[in-house]
Amino acid sequence: MSRRDSKRDEKKQKQRRPLDDSAGFGGTLGDLLAARGLAPAEPPAAPPEAAPAPPSASPTLADCPAIRVHVDRKGRRGKVVTLVDGVDALGPALDTLARDLRRHLACGVTARDGQLIIQGDHSGHLIEWLRARGARVTRTA
C-alpha cells in the first residue's frame, strides 16, 4: 500500500462516525428528527383529487369530403414527409388533429395551410388511423 493510499484511508476513518443509538434512533429519519426535537409538524393535508381530464375528442373526420395522403421529399433536402390534404374543412380542429396524430405516430406533425405535414413515411399507419375515425382516405402518388 502506498503512502497516498494510507493517508486517504486515515481521512475516511476520521470522517466516519458511528450512529448514537442512545438518542433513540429507531432507523428512520422521522425517528431521528423526533429524538432531536426537530419533528416536523403535521403533514399538510393532501389537496382534493381533481376529476381526471376527459380524453381529447378527436375532430370528426366524416365532415371532410376526401382526404388525400401522399409521401413527398421534394424541396426538403431529401427528407421524407407524409402530406395529408383535404383536411382544411376541420378549421380550428386541425390543430387538435395534429396533436392527436403526434401522440399516435410518435413523430413531428405540423398543421400548415389546411394541410398536415408528418415527418417520415407513416402513410400506412396514418391511413388506418384515419379510416378508423370515419374518414374517406385515398393514397395518391
Protein backbone atom coordinates (compact mmCIF):
# COMPACT_ATOMS: atom_id res chain seq x y z
CA MET A 1 0.00 0.00 0.00
CA SER A 2 1.42 3.36 -0.96
CA ARG A 3 1.72 6.29 1.35
CA ARG A 4 -1.01 8.18 -0.53
CA ASP A 5 -3.47 5.30 -0.08
CA SER A 6 -2.78 5.04 3.64
CA LYS A 7 -3.41 8.80 4.12
CA ARG A 8 -6.66 8.54 2.19
CA ASP A 9 -7.79 5.64 4.39
CA GLU A 10 -6.92 7.61 7.53
CA LYS A 11 -9.08 10.52 6.33
CA LYS A 12 -12.01 8.21 5.65
CA GLN A 13 -11.72 6.70 9.13
CA LYS A 14 -11.74 10.16 10.71
CA GLN A 15 -14.84 11.23 8.76
CA ARG A 16 -16.95 8.21 9.71
CA ARG A 17 -18.81 8.45 12.96
CA PRO A 18 -20.98 5.65 14.31
CA LEU A 19 -24.64 6.44 14.91
CA ASP A 20 -25.55 7.11 18.50
CA ASP A 21 -28.19 4.54 19.46
CA SER A 22 -28.66 6.09 22.89
CA ALA A 23 -30.52 9.04 21.33
CA GLY A 24 -33.46 6.77 20.45
CA PHE A 25 -32.72 6.49 16.79
CA GLY A 26 -35.25 3.97 15.54
CA GLY A 27 -34.00 3.64 12.00
CA THR A 28 -35.94 6.28 10.10
CA LEU A 29 -35.25 9.91 9.51
CA GLY A 30 -38.51 10.87 11.22
CA ASP A 31 -37.45 8.99 14.38
CA LEU A 32 -34.07 10.71 14.39
CA LEU A 33 -35.66 14.15 13.98
CA ALA A 34 -38.17 13.43 16.73
CA ALA A 35 -35.36 12.33 19.06
CA ARG A 36 -33.56 15.61 18.44
CA GLY A 37 -36.72 17.68 18.96
CA LEU A 38 -36.99 18.61 15.29
CA ALA A 39 -40.05 16.56 14.39
CA PRO A 40 -41.98 18.16 11.55
CA ALA A 41 -45.45 19.49 12.14
CA GLU A 42 -48.45 17.56 10.90
CA PRO A 43 -48.09 16.83 7.21
CA PRO A 44 -50.13 19.18 5.05
CA ALA A 45 -53.49 17.89 4.04
CA ALA A 46 -53.48 16.42 0.56
CA PRO A 47 -55.34 18.58 -1.94
CA PRO A 48 -58.66 17.13 -3.08
CA GLU A 49 -58.26 14.93 -6.10
CA ALA A 50 -59.36 16.63 -9.27
CA ALA A 51 -61.55 14.74 -11.67
CA PRO A 52 -59.49 13.12 -14.40
CA ALA A 53 -59.40 15.10 -17.61
CA PRO A 54 -61.61 13.64 -20.31
CA PRO A 55 -59.72 12.14 -23.23
CA SER A 56 -59.27 14.58 -26.07
CA ALA A 57 -62.11 14.29 -28.50
CA SER A 58 -60.71 13.92 -31.98
CA PRO A 59 -62.39 16.13 -34.55
CA THR A 60 -64.91 14.41 -36.74
CA LEU A 61 -63.26 13.48 -39.97
CA ALA A 62 -66.52 12.50 -41.65
CA ASP A 63 -67.03 16.20 -42.48
CA CYS A 64 -64.05 16.17 -44.85
CA PRO A 65 -65.13 15.21 -48.37
CA ALA A 66 -61.95 13.37 -49.39
CA ILE A 67 -58.63 13.13 -47.63
CA ARG A 68 -55.56 12.50 -49.76
CA VAL A 69 -52.35 11.06 -48.30
CA HIS A 70 -49.06 11.03 -50.18
CA VAL A 71 -45.34 10.81 -49.47
CA ASP A 72 -43.07 13.61 -50.67
CA ARG A 73 -39.39 14.54 -50.49
CA LYS A 74 -39.10 17.40 -52.97
CA GLY A 75 -37.73 20.65 -51.60
CA ARG A 76 -36.94 19.08 -48.23
CA ARG A 77 -33.26 18.18 -48.72
CA GLY A 78 -34.09 14.52 -49.25
CA LYS A 79 -36.13 14.19 -46.06
CA VAL A 80 -39.30 12.15 -46.46
CA VAL A 81 -42.60 13.61 -45.25
CA THR A 82 -46.17 12.39 -45.41
CA LEU A 83 -48.63 15.05 -46.58
CA VAL A 84 -52.34 14.98 -45.76
CA ASP A 85 -54.54 17.17 -47.98
CA GLY A 86 -58.28 17.76 -47.75
CA VAL A 87 -58.47 18.34 -44.01
CA ASP A 88 -58.91 22.11 -44.30
CA ALA A 89 -62.67 21.69 -43.62
CA LEU A 90 -61.80 20.99 -39.97
CA GLY A 91 -60.71 24.59 -39.43
CA PRO A 92 -59.55 25.19 -35.85
CA ALA A 93 -59.89 21.47 -35.03
CA LEU A 94 -56.94 20.83 -37.35
CA ASP A 95 -54.53 21.64 -34.51
CA THR A 96 -56.28 19.11 -32.28
CA LEU A 97 -55.98 16.50 -35.03
CA ALA A 98 -52.27 17.28 -35.39
CA ARG A 99 -51.74 16.86 -31.64
CA ASP A 100 -53.58 13.50 -31.63
CA LEU A 101 -51.51 12.30 -34.59
CA ARG A 102 -48.31 13.42 -32.87
CA ARG A 103 -49.17 11.19 -29.93
CA HIS A 104 -50.29 8.24 -32.05
CA LEU A 105 -47.43 8.23 -34.55
CA ALA A 106 -44.74 9.49 -32.14
CA CYS A 107 -43.31 11.91 -34.68
CA GLY A 108 -43.45 15.56 -35.64
CA VAL A 109 -46.74 16.75 -37.10
CA THR A 110 -47.39 20.28 -38.30
CA ALA A 111 -50.69 21.82 -39.41
CA ARG A 112 -49.97 24.43 -42.07
CA ASP A 113 -52.26 25.99 -44.71
CA GLY A 114 -55.03 23.42 -44.24
CA GLN A 115 -52.57 20.57 -44.69
CA LEU A 116 -50.85 18.19 -42.27
CA ILE A 117 -47.11 17.62 -42.67
CA ILE A 118 -45.85 14.50 -40.91
CA GLN A 119 -42.15 13.78 -40.55
CA GLY A 120 -41.29 10.42 -42.12
CA ASP A 121 -43.22 7.89 -44.17
CA HIS A 122 -46.18 6.98 -41.96
CA SER A 123 -48.74 6.60 -44.74
CA GLY A 124 -49.78 3.03 -43.84
CA HIS A 125 -50.42 3.68 -40.14
CA LEU A 126 -51.93 7.06 -40.92
CA ILE A 127 -54.48 5.71 -43.38
CA GLU A 128 -55.56 3.01 -40.91
CA TRP A 129 -55.87 5.59 -38.12
CA LEU A 130 -57.92 7.99 -40.26
CA ARG A 131 -60.25 5.26 -41.57
CA ALA A 132 -60.86 4.04 -38.01
CA ARG A 133 -62.21 7.53 -37.28
CA GLY A 134 -64.62 7.55 -40.22
CA ALA A 135 -62.59 9.40 -42.84
CA ARG A 136 -62.64 8.63 -46.53
CA VAL A 137 -58.96 8.35 -47.39
CA THR A 138 -57.18 7.81 -50.68
CA ARG A 139 -53.46 7.32 -51.25
CA THR A 140 -52.05 9.38 -54.11
CA ALA A 141 -48.67 9.14 -55.78
